[in-house]
Structures are given as C-alpha cells and as structure tokens.
Protein backbone atom coordinates (compact mmCIF):
# COMPACT_ATOMS: atom_id res chain seq x y z
CA MET A 1 9.70 -12.51 19.55
CA LYS A 2 13.22 -11.24 20.01
CA HIS A 3 15.76 -13.68 18.73
CA LEU A 4 19.49 -13.74 18.09
CA THR A 5 21.46 -16.80 17.12
CA PRO A 6 25.26 -16.58 17.16
CA VAL A 7 26.89 -19.64 15.63
CA LEU A 8 30.63 -20.25 15.57
CA LEU A 9 31.87 -22.18 12.57
CA GLY A 10 35.18 -23.22 11.14
CA ALA A 11 36.89 -24.07 14.40
CA ALA A 12 36.97 -27.80 13.69
CA LEU A 13 39.33 -29.64 11.38
CA ALA A 14 37.79 -31.83 8.69
CA LEU A 15 39.66 -35.04 7.85
CA SER A 16 38.94 -37.14 4.77
CA GLN A 17 39.84 -40.76 4.14
CA ALA A 18 41.49 -41.81 0.87
CA PRO A 19 43.79 -44.64 -0.31
CA CYS A 20 47.43 -43.82 0.35
CA ALA A 21 50.80 -45.50 0.15
CA ALA A 22 52.26 -43.93 3.27
CA GLN A 23 51.03 -42.88 6.67
CA THR A 24 50.97 -39.23 7.67
CA GLU A 25 51.05 -38.10 11.27
CA LEU A 26 47.86 -36.30 12.31
CA ARG A 27 48.52 -33.73 14.99
CA PRO A 28 45.64 -32.78 17.26
CA ALA A 29 44.51 -29.18 17.20
CA THR A 30 45.99 -26.96 19.88
CA PRO A 31 43.67 -25.25 22.40
CA ALA A 32 43.91 -22.05 20.38
CA GLN A 33 43.20 -23.77 17.06
CA SER A 34 40.12 -25.42 18.55
CA LEU A 35 39.07 -22.10 20.17
CA SER A 36 38.74 -23.86 23.51
CA CYS A 37 40.14 -20.83 25.37
CA LEU A 38 38.04 -18.23 23.55
CA VAL A 39 36.92 -15.44 25.88
CA LYS A 40 33.73 -13.57 24.95
CA PRO A 41 31.84 -10.66 26.56
CA ALA A 42 29.19 -11.70 29.07
CA LYS A 43 26.36 -9.82 27.34
CA ALA A 44 25.53 -11.13 23.88
CA PRO A 45 23.91 -8.89 21.24
CA SER A 46 20.13 -8.53 21.35
CA TYR A 47 17.60 -7.23 18.85
CA PRO A 48 17.67 -3.39 18.88
CA VAL A 49 13.94 -2.61 18.90
CA ILE A 50 13.10 0.77 17.33
CA ASN A 51 9.35 0.83 18.04
CA LYS A 52 6.39 -1.50 18.54
CA LEU A 53 6.04 -1.97 14.77
CA ASP A 54 9.69 -2.94 14.34
CA ARG A 55 9.52 -6.56 13.18
CA GLY A 56 12.66 -6.72 11.12
CA GLN A 57 15.41 -9.25 10.73
CA GLY A 58 18.99 -9.28 9.56
CA ALA A 59 22.10 -11.40 9.51
CA MET A 60 25.88 -11.19 9.37
CA ARG A 61 28.65 -13.67 8.62
CA LEU A 62 32.11 -12.66 9.83
CA LYS A 63 35.56 -14.16 9.41
CA LEU A 64 37.49 -13.56 12.63
CA SER A 65 41.30 -13.86 12.58
CA PHE A 66 43.30 -13.97 15.83
CA SER A 67 47.01 -13.12 15.60
CA LYS A 68 47.71 -12.01 19.20
CA PRO A 69 46.49 -13.55 22.47
CA ASP A 70 45.63 -10.21 24.06
CA ALA A 71 44.09 -8.47 21.05
CA ALA A 72 40.71 -8.50 19.37
CA PRO A 73 40.44 -10.40 16.09
CA THR A 74 40.52 -8.67 12.74
CA VAL A 75 37.10 -8.80 11.12
CA GLU A 76 36.23 -9.54 7.50
CA VAL A 77 32.55 -9.29 6.56
CA LEU A 78 31.54 -12.22 4.35
CA TYR A 79 27.82 -11.45 4.27
CA ASN A 80 25.68 -8.71 5.77
CA SER A 81 21.96 -7.93 5.55
CA ALA A 82 21.73 -6.38 9.03
CA ARG A 83 20.66 -2.84 9.82
CA PRO A 84 23.41 -0.50 11.02
CA ASP A 85 22.18 -0.68 14.64
CA MET A 86 22.38 -4.49 14.50
CA GLN A 87 25.84 -4.27 12.97
CA GLU A 88 27.11 -2.02 15.74
CA GLN A 89 26.02 -4.54 18.36
CA VAL A 90 27.89 -7.31 16.56
CA TYR A 91 31.06 -5.27 16.04
CA ALA A 92 31.10 -4.19 19.69
CA TYR A 93 30.57 -7.79 20.79
CA VAL A 94 33.37 -9.38 18.76
CA ALA A 95 35.72 -6.51 19.72
CA GLY A 96 35.68 -8.11 23.18
CA TYR A 97 36.88 -11.51 21.93
CA ARG A 98 40.28 -12.74 23.09
CA LEU A 99 42.22 -15.97 22.53
CA PRO A 100 44.65 -15.96 25.51
CA CYS A 101 46.15 -19.40 24.80
CA LEU A 102 47.30 -18.37 21.30
CA SER A 103 51.04 -19.01 20.86
CA ASP A 104 53.56 -18.16 18.16
CA GLU A 105 53.45 -21.78 17.00
CA ASP A 106 49.72 -21.50 16.32
CA GLY A 107 50.16 -18.70 13.80
CA THR A 108 46.94 -16.92 12.87
CA VAL A 109 43.78 -18.75 13.91
CA SER A 110 40.62 -17.99 11.95
CA ALA A 111 36.98 -18.89 12.43
CA VAL A 112 33.66 -17.90 10.89
CA GLN A 113 30.73 -16.76 13.00
CA GLU A 114 27.16 -16.01 11.99
CA PHE A 115 24.75 -13.66 13.78
CA SER A 116 21.04 -13.73 13.01
CA PHE A 117 18.55 -11.13 14.32
CA SER A 118 14.77 -11.55 14.22
CA ASN A 119 11.91 -9.73 15.95
CA ASN A 120 8.85 -11.25 14.30
CA GLU A 121 6.65 -14.34 14.22
CA ARG A 122 7.90 -15.49 10.84
CA ASP A 123 10.44 -18.24 10.35
CA ALA A 124 13.76 -16.51 9.76
CA THR A 125 15.10 -16.30 6.22
CA PRO A 126 18.17 -18.56 6.05
CA ILE A 127 21.55 -16.89 5.66
CA PRO A 128 22.85 -17.66 2.16
CA PRO A 129 25.45 -20.46 2.34
CA GLU A 130 29.11 -19.54 2.47
CA ARG A 131 29.79 -21.82 -0.48
CA PRO A 132 27.88 -21.79 -3.78
CA ALA A 133 24.75 -23.89 -4.03
CA PRO A 134 24.81 -26.71 -6.62
CA GLY A 135 24.59 -25.21 -10.09
CA GLN A 136 25.62 -21.75 -8.89
CA GLU A 137 28.97 -20.14 -9.62
CA LEU A 138 29.14 -17.94 -6.53
CA PRO A 139 27.55 -17.62 -3.10
CA PHE A 140 25.37 -14.59 -2.41
CA CYS A 141 27.98 -12.60 -0.44
CA LEU A 142 26.25 -9.21 -0.27
CA VAL A 143 27.83 -6.68 2.13
CA MET A 144 25.90 -3.55 3.10
CA PRO A 145 27.42 -0.37 4.62
CA ARG A 146 27.50 0.28 8.37
CA SER A 147 26.07 3.80 8.16
CA GLU A 148 22.40 4.70 8.50
CA ILE A 149 20.47 6.26 5.66
CA ASP A 150 19.03 9.60 6.81
CA PRO A 151 15.38 10.62 6.33
CA PRO A 152 14.69 12.88 3.34
CA VAL A 153 15.43 16.53 4.11
CA GLY A 154 12.28 18.62 4.34
CA GLY A 155 10.07 15.96 5.88
CA LEU A 156 7.69 13.43 4.42
CA HIS A 157 4.66 15.70 3.91
CA GLY A 158 2.41 13.41 5.95
CA ASN A 159 2.82 10.24 3.88
CA ALA A 160 5.08 7.22 3.99
CA GLU A 161 7.70 7.24 1.24
CA HIS A 162 8.84 4.06 -0.53
CA VAL A 163 11.48 3.22 -3.09
CA VAL A 164 11.89 -0.31 -4.49
CA ILE A 165 15.12 -0.74 -6.40
CA ALA A 166 16.63 -3.59 -8.39
CA ALA A 167 20.39 -4.02 -8.33
CA THR A 168 22.65 -6.26 -10.40
CA PHE A 169 26.33 -6.97 -9.81
CA THR A 170 28.20 -7.56 -13.06
CA GLY A 171 31.78 -6.63 -12.14
CA ASP A 172 34.31 -7.90 -9.63
CA GLY A 173 34.12 -7.68 -5.83
CA GLN A 174 35.02 -3.99 -5.73
CA GLN A 175 32.44 -2.78 -8.24
CA PRO A 176 29.07 -1.29 -7.22
CA PRO A 177 25.87 -2.72 -8.68
CA GLU A 178 23.89 -1.41 -11.60
CA MET A 179 20.55 -0.01 -10.39
CA HIS A 180 17.01 0.42 -11.66
CA ILE A 181 14.10 1.93 -9.69
CA LEU A 182 11.05 -0.34 -9.90
CA HIS A 183 8.68 1.71 -7.74
CA SER A 184 8.77 5.11 -6.09
CA THR A 185 6.35 7.43 -4.34
CA HIS A 186 8.12 10.17 -6.30
CA ASN A 187 10.26 11.82 -3.63
CA THR A 188 13.22 12.61 -5.90
CA ARG A 189 15.56 13.43 -3.02
CA PHE A 190 14.79 10.09 -1.38
CA GLU A 191 15.43 8.27 -4.68
CA HIS A 192 18.87 9.87 -4.94
CA MET A 193 19.69 8.93 -1.33
CA VAL A 194 18.75 5.30 -2.01
CA GLN A 195 20.88 5.21 -5.16
CA GLU A 196 23.85 6.69 -3.29
CA ARG A 197 23.51 4.05 -0.60
CA LEU A 198 23.25 1.18 -3.09
CA ALA A 199 26.44 2.48 -4.70
CA GLU A 200 28.24 1.48 -1.46
CA TYR A 201 27.10 -2.16 -1.66
CA ARG A 202 29.66 -4.78 -2.60
CA MET A 203 29.88 -8.53 -3.19
CA PRO A 204 33.53 -9.23 -2.23
CA CYS A 205 33.48 -12.88 -3.35
CA ARG A 206 32.93 -11.90 -6.99
CA LYS A 207 35.69 -12.11 -9.60
CA ALA A 208 36.04 -10.39 -12.94
CA GLY A 209 33.89 -12.26 -15.42
CA SER A 210 31.57 -13.75 -12.79
CA ALA A 211 27.95 -14.26 -13.84
CA PRO A 212 25.57 -11.40 -12.92
CA GLN A 213 23.88 -11.58 -9.52
CA SER A 214 20.74 -9.59 -8.78
CA PHE A 215 18.56 -8.67 -5.83
CA ARG A 216 15.77 -6.26 -4.97
CA GLN A 217 15.44 -4.05 -1.90
CA GLN A 218 12.81 -1.73 -0.50
CA PHE A 219 13.56 1.47 1.42
CA SER A 220 10.79 3.15 3.41
CA PHE A 221 10.44 6.16 5.69
CA PHE A 222 7.38 6.93 7.81
CA PRO A 223 6.26 10.27 9.31
CA THR A 224 6.76 10.48 13.05
CA ASP A 225 3.98 13.01 13.63
CA ARG A 226 1.02 10.69 13.00
CA PRO A 227 -0.03 7.12 13.83
CA ARG A 228 1.07 4.44 11.41
CA TYR A 229 -0.79 1.38 10.21
CA GLY A 230 0.94 -1.90 10.92
CA LEU A 231 0.18 -5.61 11.09
CA LYS A 232 -0.86 -6.82 14.54
CA ARG A 233 0.22 -10.31 13.48
CA GLU A 234 2.46 -11.66 10.76
CA ALA A 235 1.75 -15.41 10.90
CA PHE A 236 -1.59 -16.68 9.60
CA GLY A 237 -3.33 -19.88 8.66
CA LEU A 238 -4.37 -20.11 5.02
CA VAL A 239 -8.09 -19.61 5.72
CA GLU A 240 -7.30 -16.68 8.02
CA PHE A 241 -5.21 -15.07 5.31
CA LEU A 242 -7.89 -15.48 2.65
CA GLY A 243 -10.32 -13.76 5.00
CA LEU A 244 -8.12 -10.65 4.76
CA THR A 245 -8.17 -10.57 0.96
CA ARG A 246 -10.43 -8.59 -1.35
CA ASN A 247 -12.09 -11.33 -3.37
CA PRO A 248 -10.82 -14.89 -2.90
CA LEU A 249 -13.86 -16.25 -4.81
CA ALA A 250 -13.13 -14.28 -7.98
CA GLN A 251 -12.33 -17.58 -9.70
CA SER A 252 -12.84 -21.27 -9.06
CA VAL A 253 -9.68 -23.03 -7.89
CA ARG A 254 -8.78 -26.40 -6.44
CA PHE A 255 -5.43 -27.16 -4.84
CA ASP A 256 -4.56 -30.51 -3.27
CA PHE A 257 -1.77 -29.71 -0.83
CA ASN A 258 -1.29 -33.41 -0.12
CA THR A 259 0.48 -33.56 -3.50
CA MET A 260 2.76 -30.63 -2.67
CA GLY A 261 4.83 -31.91 0.25
CA CYS A 262 2.56 -30.43 2.90
CA PRO A 263 2.55 -28.86 5.37
CA PHE A 264 4.63 -25.90 4.28
CA LYS A 265 4.86 -22.16 4.81
CA VAL A 266 4.69 -19.30 2.34
CA ASN A 267 6.08 -15.79 2.63
CA TYR A 268 3.69 -13.22 1.14
CA TRP A 269 4.72 -9.62 0.44
CA ILE A 270 2.10 -6.89 0.22
CA TYR A 271 2.79 -4.62 -2.73
CA GLY A 272 0.57 -3.06 -5.36
CA GLY A 273 0.67 -0.69 -8.29
CA SER A 274 3.77 -1.25 -10.42
CA VAL A 275 5.06 -3.94 -8.04
CA PRO A 276 2.87 -7.08 -7.89
CA ASN A 277 2.45 -9.04 -4.67
CA GLU A 278 4.90 -11.88 -4.15
CA ALA A 279 4.56 -15.36 -2.68
CA SER A 280 7.39 -17.84 -2.20
CA GLU A 281 7.91 -20.99 -0.18
CA VAL A 282 9.82 -20.55 3.06
CA GLY A 283 13.24 -22.17 2.85
CA ARG A 284 13.55 -21.95 -0.94
CA GLU A 285 14.40 -18.26 -1.19
CA ARG A 286 17.48 -18.87 -3.34
CA ALA A 287 16.59 -22.25 -4.77
CA LYS A 288 14.42 -23.17 -7.71
CA PRO A 289 10.76 -23.24 -6.63
CA ASP A 290 8.98 -26.56 -6.32
CA PRO A 291 7.10 -26.91 -9.64
CA ASN A 292 4.23 -28.65 -7.83
CA LYS A 293 3.58 -25.46 -5.87
CA LEU A 294 3.97 -22.90 -8.68
CA PRO A 295 0.27 -22.63 -9.68
CA PHE A 296 -0.76 -22.21 -6.03
CA LEU A 297 1.95 -19.62 -5.33
CA ALA A 298 0.95 -17.64 -8.42
CA TRP A 299 -2.70 -17.69 -7.36
CA LEU A 300 -1.81 -16.70 -3.80
CA ALA A 301 0.27 -13.75 -5.03
CA SER A 302 -2.71 -12.58 -7.09
CA GLN A 303 -4.83 -12.18 -3.95
CA ASP A 304 -4.92 -8.53 -2.88
CA ILE A 305 -5.33 -7.47 0.73
CA ARG A 306 -8.60 -5.66 1.53
CA PHE A 307 -7.44 -2.25 2.79
CA ALA A 308 -9.58 0.20 4.75
CA ASN A 309 -8.21 3.21 2.85
CA GLU A 310 -5.32 4.39 0.65
CA ARG A 311 -3.19 5.47 3.59
CA GLN A 312 -3.37 1.99 5.08
CA ALA A 313 -2.36 0.52 1.72
CA ASN A 314 0.61 2.89 1.52
CA ASP A 315 1.71 2.24 5.12
CA LEU A 316 1.57 -1.54 4.62
CA PHE A 317 3.35 -1.48 1.25
CA GLY A 318 6.19 -3.99 1.44
CA SER A 319 4.96 -5.65 4.64
CA GLN A 320 5.52 -9.38 4.91
CA MET A 321 3.16 -12.08 6.13
CA GLN A 322 3.78 -15.79 6.61
CA ILE A 323 1.05 -18.27 5.73
CA HIS A 324 0.84 -21.83 7.06
CA VAL A 325 -0.49 -24.23 4.44
CA PRO A 326 -1.87 -27.46 5.98
CA CYS A 327 -2.38 -30.91 4.49
CA THR A 328 -5.84 -30.46 3.02
CA VAL A 329 -7.65 -29.68 -0.22
CA LEU A 330 -8.61 -26.08 -0.97
CA ASP A 331 -11.68 -26.07 -3.21
CA LEU A 332 -13.14 -22.62 -3.91
CA GLN A 333 -16.06 -22.05 -6.25
CA LYS A 334 -16.47 -18.76 -8.07
CA LYS A 335 -19.48 -16.75 -7.01
CA GLY A 336 -22.36 -17.55 -9.31
CA ASP A 337 -21.00 -20.93 -10.43
C-alpha cells in the first residue's frame, strides 16, 4: 500500500491561562501567521517505488521559514530517516510553497511539517517526537544525507551483501557518530562505504555534554542479475507466523495475552548469525517495553524462520514482519511432553 502523510504543524498559537494582575491585549494571528494563504503545488509527493520488493518507509520533519511572499521558504531538517529519492520529492514539493499574503509586519513566519512514506502492510513506525519524551534529555533528531550510497565497485559476486552497524552520538550537533560494525558479509569495500556514509550523519539538536544517543542501521545491496527472495506478505496472525518458524514446539510455553493489554502488534526482524532476531511492540519503539510482554517478546525473537536454503536466508536477512497478537491464551506443549 502506497502511503504518504504530510502534516503541517506549528501554525497555530497556543494560549495558556494563569492568574494575572493586569490584562494583556491578545491580537489575532494574521492570515500569513495562520498560513491561511499558503499556496502548495497541486501534485503531492508519492512513494517512489524501486521494484516489486520495495516495501520501505521513511519520514522527514522540516522547519519551513517564510520571509518573502513570492519566495520559497528556507528549509531546516529537524529529523530525517527517508531515502534520498524520498527526500528529493519532499524538497521539490516544498520548493513550490509560497505565502503571498506575507507582509513586512508579519516578519518571518515559521511552521513545521512532517512527511511520512510507507509502501508496506505494516503499521508505520511513528516519527520520533519533536520534543523529548518524559525522562529523556533530547529528542531523537537524526538527520541523514541526501545523497545515495553507490553499490560496491566490482559487483556483488552473485550474493546479497549486508552490513549492520551501530552508531553512537556523544558530541554536539556537528559531530559524527562513533561506529561499530555488528555484522558483515565481509565485503571490505562495502564496509568502508557504509562507514563513510555514517560519518555524514548528524543530530543537530544535540549540545556539548548531552547524554549519548545510539541507533543501529542495516545497509544491503542485492545483485540485479538474478531473482531475489522476498516476502510476499509482511503482516501475519500469530498462528500464521509460528507456522513459518523452524520449531515452535521446542519448549513448552503458555502466554495469556488477556493480561498483556491485548490485542497488540509486534514487529519481528529476521536476522541470524551474529545478530539475533528482534521482536518489539509496535508503538513503543523508543519507549520502555511493557514488562508484562517481555517474556513473550523474548520467546518470539527466539523463533527462527524456516528457510528453504542459505541464499533465501541471506536475501531475507533484515526483513521485517508484523505479527497481530489477539486476545487469547497461547499454550504450546513441547514435543514428547
């Protein structure tokens, strides 16, 4: 499903009530300050499909500042997880914005707009909030470069190549992250390319002395001269998903989902080798996990997909599935018990 959601924020004025000894005149927002005369291009951005297995997603948050009525706004990227082709659509789109009713008295008018791209069956991953979550010092304001990363020179020798890298920001907003390769299919040139690209990442909201902030990212390239394994579907019921796994009856388990705030959905990432599978509740990507669900999520992550061959396992490395967990009791008995 192709999906794009542009949301315009920050155009409204927030007023708070508090005890006061004198009255202050409240002036209504002008047409420009309320963005009521905003002119936008007729064609909005759409998901830039690469091929039939392209089921990606990405998001951007931009601060747009209008200083002239007949000019495009200046753009400040507050958050960006979008691919370069998605970014280009967004930049081209906002370059057509105009605020013709802007006057000298208005000064510079700013607003924040979010763009979210998705081309899969999964519920979209929420864009990290612009302000820090409770208990956090900073928002997750990652900004990725606009340029594409090129395929490794010399080809891929018939196999998909993967690099999984961990990055940690410890400096201010202009410092690149520290990096550590967690998994690689041992294409040294590809590893260097990934490290060079990560060196361009920034978190502009950081200040000197801010607490470290970490993330993990996978980079993959696939040969174009042979068919590639891919998931026909990405959304599954729990029983359907377990039918795809190698040995769900390896141990006896019992989970009462009625005690876990059911129904809920789980994102499951297919990994293997030095990178274990992952399972996390949808909607809690950057929040503390629900302790009631932790044993179930750990068990779910331990379930390995039943692959037809090694090439299928390599092609599907890093693929994501979404599992719907209903209000029921899962009671599995180990074979032989």
